[in-house]
Structures are given as C-alpha cells and as structure tokens.
Amino acid sequence: MYMPANDEMSESITQNWTEQALECYSIDCDCKKCSLRSGHYSFICQMPKVIDILIRTIGRPEKERKTA
C-alpha cells in the first residue's frame, strides 16, 4: 500500500540498490523502523514504490548486501 504522493520520481533512484533502499527492503518498508523517520522530513516517502521497481527491474538484493 502506498501513501498518496506525486507520481514523479527521479529515475536514478530506481537504477540500483542504494543504502536507503537496502534499509527499506530489510525492514519490509516499515516506516516506524526507518532511520530517516527521526529526520522529520516534510515529504511523503516513495521508497516502497522504488523497492517494487528495483525488484521488478534488477531483482532482489544479494543476501550479503541486505543491511540494517
């Protein structure tokens, strides 16, 4: 389930597994466990969408790369 948000996102974020994407994947997109939560950012997180795109386009991360 996604939060309502602007559908525009940078393509660069969906090209490879970033540290933030790996963290989000490893916590099953649970925002309560996210390290960015403490930053009090004023945006709606798009990471669950990014994770879905990454899985579809390049596959799941290697187990040794899965962090957090």
N, C-alpha and C. Protein backbone atom coordinates (compact mmCIF):
# COMPACT_ATOMS: atom_id res chain seq x y z
N MET A 1 0.85 -1.17 0.00
CA MET A 1 0.00 0.00 0.00
C MET A 1 0.90 1.24 0.00
N TYR A 2 0.57 2.19 -0.83
CA TYR A 2 1.36 3.40 -0.97
C TYR A 2 0.62 4.59 -0.39
N MET A 3 1.39 5.52 0.11
CA MET A 3 0.81 6.78 0.57
C MET A 3 0.53 7.63 -0.67
N PRO A 4 -0.49 8.47 -0.66
CA PRO A 4 -0.73 9.34 -1.80
C PRO A 4 0.47 10.26 -1.99
N ALA A 5 0.89 10.42 -3.24
CA ALA A 5 2.07 11.24 -3.49
C ALA A 5 2.14 11.62 -4.95
N ASN A 6 3.00 12.54 -5.23
CA ASN A 6 3.30 12.94 -6.58
C ASN A 6 3.91 11.74 -7.31
N ASP A 7 3.44 11.41 -8.50
CA ASP A 7 3.93 10.25 -9.23
C ASP A 7 5.31 10.45 -9.83
N GLU A 8 5.81 11.68 -9.81
CA GLU A 8 7.11 11.93 -10.38
C GLU A 8 8.21 11.57 -9.39
N MET A 9 9.17 10.78 -9.86
CA MET A 9 10.34 10.47 -9.05
C MET A 9 11.52 10.32 -9.99
N SER A 10 12.68 10.61 -9.49
CA SER A 10 13.89 10.53 -10.29
C SER A 10 14.14 9.10 -10.73
N GLU A 11 14.47 8.93 -12.00
CA GLU A 11 14.78 7.58 -12.49
C GLU A 11 16.06 7.05 -11.87
N SER A 12 16.95 7.94 -11.48
CA SER A 12 18.24 7.49 -10.94
C SER A 12 18.07 6.67 -9.66
N ILE A 13 17.03 6.93 -8.90
CA ILE A 13 16.81 6.20 -7.65
C ILE A 13 16.33 4.78 -7.90
N THR A 14 15.89 4.49 -9.11
CA THR A 14 15.39 3.15 -9.43
C THR A 14 16.37 2.35 -10.28
N GLN A 15 17.62 2.80 -10.34
CA GLN A 15 18.62 2.13 -11.17
C GLN A 15 19.47 1.11 -10.42
N ASN A 16 19.63 1.29 -9.11
CA ASN A 16 20.43 0.35 -8.33
C ASN A 16 20.03 0.41 -6.86
N TRP A 17 20.51 -0.57 -6.11
CA TRP A 17 20.20 -0.67 -4.70
C TRP A 17 21.07 0.30 -3.91
N THR A 18 20.49 1.40 -3.45
CA THR A 18 21.19 2.36 -2.61
C THR A 18 21.14 1.87 -1.16
N GLU A 19 21.94 2.49 -0.31
CA GLU A 19 21.91 2.12 1.11
C GLU A 19 20.52 2.32 1.70
N GLN A 20 19.84 3.41 1.31
CA GLN A 20 18.50 3.65 1.85
C GLN A 20 17.50 2.63 1.32
N ALA A 21 17.64 2.24 0.05
CA ALA A 21 16.75 1.22 -0.50
C ALA A 21 16.98 -0.11 0.20
N LEU A 22 18.24 -0.45 0.46
CA LEU A 22 18.55 -1.69 1.17
C LEU A 22 17.97 -1.68 2.57
N GLU A 23 18.07 -0.53 3.25
CA GLU A 23 17.49 -0.44 4.59
C GLU A 23 15.98 -0.65 4.53
N CYS A 24 15.34 0.04 3.61
CA CYS A 24 13.88 -0.06 3.49
C CYS A 24 13.47 -1.51 3.18
N TYR A 25 14.17 -2.14 2.27
CA TYR A 25 13.89 -3.54 1.92
C TYR A 25 14.05 -4.44 3.15
N SER A 26 15.11 -4.21 3.91
CA SER A 26 15.41 -5.09 5.04
C SER A 26 14.40 -4.93 6.18
N ILE A 27 13.73 -3.79 6.27
CA ILE A 27 12.72 -3.59 7.33
C ILE A 27 11.31 -3.73 6.78
N ASP A 28 11.20 -4.31 5.57
CA ASP A 28 9.91 -4.55 4.93
C ASP A 28 9.08 -3.27 4.81
N CYS A 29 9.77 -2.17 4.48
CA CYS A 29 9.12 -0.87 4.25
C CYS A 29 8.30 -0.40 5.46
N ASP A 30 8.74 -0.78 6.65
CA ASP A 30 8.07 -0.35 7.88
C ASP A 30 8.63 1.00 8.30
N CYS A 31 7.91 2.05 8.02
CA CYS A 31 8.38 3.42 8.27
C CYS A 31 8.71 3.67 9.74
N LYS A 32 8.09 2.92 10.64
CA LYS A 32 8.37 3.10 12.07
C LYS A 32 9.79 2.68 12.42
N LYS A 33 10.40 1.84 11.60
CA LYS A 33 11.76 1.36 11.84
C LYS A 33 12.80 2.12 11.02
N CYS A 34 12.38 3.03 10.18
CA CYS A 34 13.27 3.71 9.24
C CYS A 34 14.17 4.74 9.93
N SER A 35 15.44 4.77 9.52
CA SER A 35 16.39 5.73 10.09
C SER A 35 16.06 7.17 9.69
N LEU A 36 15.37 7.37 8.59
CA LEU A 36 15.00 8.71 8.16
C LEU A 36 13.86 9.29 8.97
N ARG A 37 13.14 8.44 9.66
CA ARG A 37 11.98 8.90 10.44
C ARG A 37 12.37 9.96 11.45
N SER A 38 13.53 9.82 12.04
CA SER A 38 13.96 10.78 13.06
C SER A 38 14.37 12.13 12.47
N GLY A 39 14.45 12.21 11.14
CA GLY A 39 14.84 13.45 10.49
C GLY A 39 13.72 14.45 10.33
N HIS A 40 12.48 14.03 10.58
CA HIS A 40 11.31 14.90 10.47
C HIS A 40 11.24 15.59 9.11
N TYR A 41 11.42 14.82 8.05
CA TYR A 41 11.35 15.37 6.70
C TYR A 41 9.90 15.68 6.34
N SER A 42 9.72 16.63 5.44
CA SER A 42 8.37 17.05 5.07
C SER A 42 7.97 16.51 3.69
N PHE A 43 8.31 15.26 3.42
CA PHE A 43 7.92 14.65 2.17
C PHE A 43 7.25 13.31 2.44
N ILE A 44 6.52 12.84 1.47
CA ILE A 44 5.89 11.52 1.56
C ILE A 44 6.86 10.52 0.95
N CYS A 45 7.19 9.52 1.69
CA CYS A 45 8.18 8.53 1.26
C CYS A 45 7.71 7.78 0.01
N GLN A 46 8.60 7.72 -0.95
CA GLN A 46 8.34 6.99 -2.19
C GLN A 46 9.07 5.64 -2.21
N MET A 47 9.80 5.34 -1.15
CA MET A 47 10.66 4.16 -1.15
C MET A 47 9.91 2.84 -1.41
N PRO A 48 8.70 2.62 -0.88
CA PRO A 48 8.03 1.37 -1.23
C PRO A 48 7.84 1.21 -2.74
N LYS A 49 7.56 2.29 -3.44
CA LYS A 49 7.45 2.23 -4.90
C LYS A 49 8.80 1.92 -5.52
N VAL A 50 9.85 2.55 -5.00
CA VAL A 50 11.20 2.33 -5.51
C VAL A 50 11.59 0.86 -5.32
N ILE A 51 11.30 0.30 -4.16
CA ILE A 51 11.62 -1.10 -3.89
C ILE A 51 10.92 -2.01 -4.90
N ASP A 52 9.65 -1.78 -5.15
CA ASP A 52 8.92 -2.58 -6.14
C ASP A 52 9.56 -2.50 -7.51
N ILE A 53 9.94 -1.30 -7.92
CA ILE A 53 10.58 -1.12 -9.23
C ILE A 53 11.92 -1.84 -9.27
N LEU A 54 12.73 -1.69 -8.23
CA LEU A 54 14.03 -2.35 -8.18
C LEU A 54 13.89 -3.87 -8.28
N ILE A 55 12.95 -4.42 -7.55
CA ILE A 55 12.74 -5.87 -7.57
C ILE A 55 12.33 -6.32 -8.97
N ARG A 56 11.43 -5.56 -9.60
CA ARG A 56 10.98 -5.93 -10.95
C ARG A 56 12.07 -5.79 -12.00
N THR A 57 12.90 -4.75 -11.90
CA THR A 57 13.87 -4.47 -12.96
C THR A 57 15.23 -5.14 -12.78
N ILE A 58 15.74 -5.17 -11.53
CA ILE A 58 17.07 -5.77 -11.36
C ILE A 58 17.09 -6.92 -10.36
N GLY A 59 15.96 -7.20 -9.74
CA GLY A 59 15.88 -8.32 -8.82
C GLY A 59 16.15 -7.92 -7.38
N ARG A 60 15.95 -8.87 -6.51
CA ARG A 60 16.16 -8.65 -5.08
C ARG A 60 17.66 -8.50 -4.82
N PRO A 61 18.02 -7.77 -3.77
CA PRO A 61 19.44 -7.62 -3.46
C PRO A 61 20.04 -8.96 -3.00
N GLU A 62 21.35 -9.09 -3.22
CA GLU A 62 22.04 -10.28 -2.74
C GLU A 62 21.98 -10.28 -1.22
N LYS A 63 21.88 -11.46 -0.62
CA LYS A 63 21.72 -11.55 0.83
C LYS A 63 22.85 -10.84 1.57
N GLU A 64 24.08 -10.93 1.08
CA GLU A 64 25.18 -10.29 1.79
C GLU A 64 25.11 -8.78 1.69
N ARG A 65 24.37 -8.23 0.74
CA ARG A 65 24.20 -6.80 0.62
C ARG A 65 23.05 -6.29 1.46
N LYS A 66 22.16 -7.17 1.87
CA LYS A 66 20.99 -6.77 2.65
C LYS A 66 21.47 -6.30 4.02
N THR A 67 21.18 -5.04 4.35
CA THR A 67 21.69 -4.46 5.58
C THR A 67 20.57 -3.92 6.45
N ALA A 68 20.96 -3.38 7.60
CA ALA A 68 20.08 -2.69 8.57
C ALA A 68 19.48 -3.61 9.58
